[in-house]
Amino acid sequence: MSFKTIKTDRYTLIQFSTDKLDAIVSPDLKAELVFVSKQGEKNILVDLGSVKYCDSSGLSALLIGNRICNEAKGCFILSSLQPTVKKLIVISQLDTILKIKTTSKEAIDSISTDELEP
């Protein structure tokens, strides 16, 4: 598997161990996002710290995760983006849709803040 899933009380963290989020990896990510949401999780963090390459199928998987969490009234947050991946997200104007934090800690802290808002 190209990533590991860590479940906590408030969120699920998906942490990549590969440097690509492409057509080979994205079906597994989509399946994991659906599985995690069906288990009742509404807050999902994706740590992309090791990902240096992302293609359109990878972006699609991230958008699916965002939609799933939005429908559940939760948070979908990306963290630790490498410059090439961040540039792709900005060029695609997905930075206006996706929540992006510099570090996983910042993403975790923002979940606590979002949960307190009405």
C-alpha atoms as a PDB file:
ATOM      1  CA  MET A   1       0.000   0.000   0.000  1.00  0.00           C
ATOM      2  CA  SER A   2       1.260   3.496  -0.848  1.00  0.00           C
ATOM      3  CA  PHE A   3      -0.118   5.069   2.318  1.00  0.00           C
ATOM      4  CA  LYS A   4      -1.097   4.205   5.859  1.00  0.00           C
ATOM      5  CA  THR A   5      -4.292   5.130   7.655  1.00  0.00           C
ATOM      6  CA  ILE A   6      -4.226   6.217  11.285  1.00  0.00           C
ATOM      7  CA  LYS A   7      -7.578   6.523  13.084  1.00  0.00           C
ATOM      8  CA  THR A   8      -8.028   8.715  16.159  1.00  0.00           C
ATOM      9  CA  ASP A   9     -11.058   9.888  18.115  1.00  0.00           C
ATOM     10  CA  ARG A  10     -11.436  13.132  16.152  1.00  0.00           C
ATOM     11  CA  TYR A  11     -10.026  12.375  12.709  1.00  0.00           C
ATOM     12  CA  THR A  12      -8.413   9.882  10.361  1.00  0.00           C
ATOM     13  CA  LEU A  13      -4.948  10.653   9.016  1.00  0.00           C
ATOM     14  CA  ILE A  14      -3.857   9.244   5.669  1.00  0.00           C
ATOM     15  CA  GLN A  15      -0.088   9.424   5.387  1.00  0.00           C
ATOM     16  CA  PHE A  16       1.636   8.706   2.079  1.00  0.00           C
ATOM     17  CA  SER A  17       4.800   6.627   1.857  1.00  0.00           C
ATOM     18  CA  THR A  18       5.243   7.009  -1.894  1.00  0.00           C
ATOM     19  CA  ASP A  19       6.327   9.985  -3.968  1.00  0.00           C
ATOM     20  CA  LYS A  20       3.452   9.722  -6.481  1.00  0.00           C
ATOM     21  CA  LEU A  21      -0.285  10.269  -6.352  1.00  0.00           C
ATOM     22  CA  ASP A  22      -1.181   9.107  -9.833  1.00  0.00           C
ATOM     23  CA  ALA A  23      -3.463   6.765 -11.778  1.00  0.00           C
ATOM     24  CA  ILE A  24      -1.879   3.761 -10.063  1.00  0.00           C
ATOM     25  CA  VAL A  25      -2.336   5.007  -6.478  1.00  0.00           C
ATOM     26  CA  SER A  26      -5.536   7.070  -6.745  1.00  0.00           C
ATOM     27  CA  PRO A  27      -7.994   4.126  -6.996  1.00  0.00           C
ATOM     28  CA  ASP A  28      -6.661   2.818  -3.658  1.00  0.00           C
ATOM     29  CA  LEU A  29      -6.956   6.279  -2.121  1.00  0.00           C
ATOM     30  CA  LYS A  30     -10.526   6.707  -3.392  1.00  0.00           C
ATOM     31  CA  ALA A  31     -11.477   3.296  -1.996  1.00  0.00           C
ATOM     32  CA  GLU A  32      -9.889   4.140   1.366  1.00  0.00           C
ATOM     33  CA  LEU A  33     -11.683   7.493   1.543  1.00  0.00           C
ATOM     34  CA  VAL A  34     -15.042   5.829   0.871  1.00  0.00           C
ATOM     35  CA  PHE A  35     -14.298   3.046   3.373  1.00  0.00           C
ATOM     36  CA  VAL A  36     -13.258   5.483   6.106  1.00  0.00           C
ATOM     37  CA  SER A  37     -16.356   7.626   5.565  1.00  0.00           C
ATOM     38  CA  LYS A  38     -18.642   4.587   5.692  1.00  0.00           C
ATOM     39  CA  GLN A  39     -17.099   3.802   9.077  1.00  0.00           C
ATOM     40  CA  GLY A  40     -18.529   7.135  10.249  1.00  0.00           C
ATOM     41  CA  GLU A  41     -15.458   9.341   9.919  1.00  0.00           C
ATOM     42  CA  LYS A  42     -16.182  12.920   8.870  1.00  0.00           C
ATOM     43  CA  ASN A  43     -12.742  14.493   9.423  1.00  0.00           C
ATOM     44  CA  ILE A  44      -9.943  13.293   7.158  1.00  0.00           C
ATOM     45  CA  LEU A  45      -6.408  14.659   6.987  1.00  0.00           C
ATOM     46  CA  VAL A  46      -4.123  13.745   4.105  1.00  0.00           C
ATOM     47  CA  ASP A  47      -0.394  14.222   4.694  1.00  0.00           C
ATOM     48  CA  LEU A  48       1.219  14.600   1.275  1.00  0.00           C
ATOM     49  CA  GLY A  49       4.718  15.263   2.612  1.00  0.00           C
ATOM     50  CA  SER A  50       6.353  12.512   0.577  1.00  0.00           C
ATOM     51  CA  VAL A  51       4.355  13.141  -2.631  1.00  0.00           C
ATOM     52  CA  LYS A  52       6.377  14.967  -5.288  1.00  0.00           C
ATOM     53  CA  TYR A  53       4.163  14.137  -8.277  1.00  0.00           C
ATOM     54  CA  CYS A  54       0.402  14.288  -8.666  1.00  0.00           C
ATOM     55  CA  ASP A  55      -1.665  13.893 -11.832  1.00  0.00           C
ATOM     56  CA  SER A  56      -5.332  14.532 -12.666  1.00  0.00           C
ATOM     57  CA  SER A  57      -6.472  11.213 -11.199  1.00  0.00           C
ATOM     58  CA  GLY A  58      -4.729  12.123  -7.945  1.00  0.00           C
ATOM     59  CA  LEU A  59      -6.478  15.495  -7.899  1.00  0.00           C
ATOM     60  CA  SER A  60      -9.760  13.702  -8.573  1.00  0.00           C
ATOM     61  CA  ALA A  61      -9.225  11.437  -5.551  1.00  0.00           C
ATOM     62  CA  LEU A  62      -8.553  14.474  -3.360  1.00  0.00           C
ATOM     63  CA  LEU A  63     -11.716  16.181  -4.619  1.00  0.00           C
ATOM     64  CA  ILE A  64     -13.723  13.040  -3.835  1.00  0.00           C
ATOM     65  CA  GLY A  65     -12.374  13.111  -0.279  1.00  0.00           C
ATOM     66  CA  ASN A  66     -13.298  16.775   0.007  1.00  0.00           C
ATOM     67  CA  ARG A  67     -16.842  16.105  -1.222  1.00  0.00           C
ATOM     68  CA  ILE A  68     -17.305  13.146   1.137  1.00  0.00           C
ATOM     69  CA  CYS A  69     -16.253  15.201   4.162  1.00  0.00           C
ATOM     70  CA  ASN A  70     -18.312  18.231   3.132  1.00  0.00           C
ATOM     71  CA  GLU A  71     -21.416  16.066   2.779  1.00  0.00           C
ATOM     72  CA  ALA A  72     -20.763  14.677   6.282  1.00  0.00           C
ATOM     73  CA  LYS A  73     -20.312  18.242   7.625  1.00  0.00           C
ATOM     74  CA  GLY A  74     -16.697  17.460   8.428  1.00  0.00           C
ATOM     75  CA  CYS A  75     -13.224  18.619   7.392  1.00  0.00           C
ATOM     76  CA  PHE A  76     -10.946  17.402   4.619  1.00  0.00           C
ATOM     77  CA  ILE A  77      -7.495  18.921   4.993  1.00  0.00           C
ATOM     78  CA  LEU A  78      -4.288  18.481   3.007  1.00  0.00           C
ATOM     79  CA  SER A  79      -0.960  19.077   4.711  1.00  0.00           C
ATOM     80  CA  SER A  80       2.778  19.135   4.076  1.00  0.00           C
ATOM     81  CA  LEU A  81       2.483  19.759   0.333  1.00  0.00           C
ATOM     82  CA  GLN A  82       5.682  19.625  -1.686  1.00  0.00           C
ATOM     83  CA  PRO A  83       6.215  22.663  -3.962  1.00  0.00           C
ATOM     84  CA  THR A  84       5.391  20.781  -7.182  1.00  0.00           C
ATOM     85  CA  VAL A  85       2.094  19.451  -5.812  1.00  0.00           C
ATOM     86  CA  LYS A  86       1.145  22.806  -4.305  1.00  0.00           C
ATOM     87  CA  LYS A  87       1.875  24.517  -7.631  1.00  0.00           C
ATOM     88  CA  LEU A  88      -0.398  22.057  -9.465  1.00  0.00           C
ATOM     89  CA  ILE A  89      -3.219  22.672  -6.976  1.00  0.00           C
ATOM     90  CA  VAL A  90      -2.809  26.458  -7.290  1.00  0.00           C
ATOM     91  CA  ILE A  91      -2.646  26.375 -11.107  1.00  0.00           C
ATOM     92  CA  SER A  92      -5.794  24.221 -11.122  1.00  0.00           C
ATOM     93  CA  GLN A  93      -7.390  26.791  -8.762  1.00  0.00           C
ATOM     94  CA  LEU A  94      -8.216  23.985  -6.352  1.00  0.00           C
ATOM     95  CA  ASP A  95      -6.603  25.948  -3.528  1.00  0.00           C
ATOM     96  CA  THR A  96      -9.902  27.867  -3.385  1.00  0.00           C
ATOM     97  CA  ILE A  97     -11.792  24.610  -2.743  1.00  0.00           C
ATOM     98  CA  LEU A  98      -9.380  22.450  -0.738  1.00  0.00           C
ATOM     99  CA  LYS A  99      -8.200  23.297   2.777  1.00  0.00           C
ATOM    100  CA  ILE A 100      -4.408  23.273   2.874  1.00  0.00           C
ATOM    101  CA  LYS A 101      -2.209  23.527   5.953  1.00  0.00           C
ATOM    102  CA  THR A 102       1.571  23.720   6.136  1.00  0.00           C
ATOM    103  CA  THR A 103       1.989  20.840   8.609  1.00  0.00           C
ATOM    104  CA  SER A 104      -0.049  17.925   9.927  1.00  0.00           C
ATOM    105  CA  LYS A 105      -0.027  19.536  13.379  1.00  0.00           C
ATOM    106  CA  GLU A 106      -1.558  22.695  11.923  1.00  0.00           C
ATOM    107  CA  ALA A 107      -4.212  20.557  10.192  1.00  0.00           C
ATOM    108  CA  ILE A 108      -5.027  18.727  13.440  1.00  0.00           C
ATOM    109  CA  ASP A 109      -5.266  22.015  15.336  1.00  0.00           C
ATOM    110  CA  SER A 110      -7.624  23.429  12.707  1.00  0.00           C
ATOM    111  CA  ILE A 111      -9.996  20.478  13.163  1.00  0.00           C
ATOM    112  CA  SER A 112     -10.346  21.413  16.819  1.00  0.00           C
ATOM    113  CA  THR A 113     -11.116  25.003  15.791  1.00  0.00           C
ATOM    114  CA  ASP A 114     -13.628  23.949  13.105  1.00  0.00           C
ATOM    115  CA  GLU A 115     -15.453  21.671  15.554  1.00  0.00           C
ATOM    116  CA  LEU A 116     -16.017  24.598  17.914  1.00  0.00           C
ATOM    117  CA  GLU A 117     -17.603  26.798  15.254  1.00  0.00           C
ATOM    118  CA  PRO A 118     -21.426  26.628  15.011  1.00  0.00           C
END
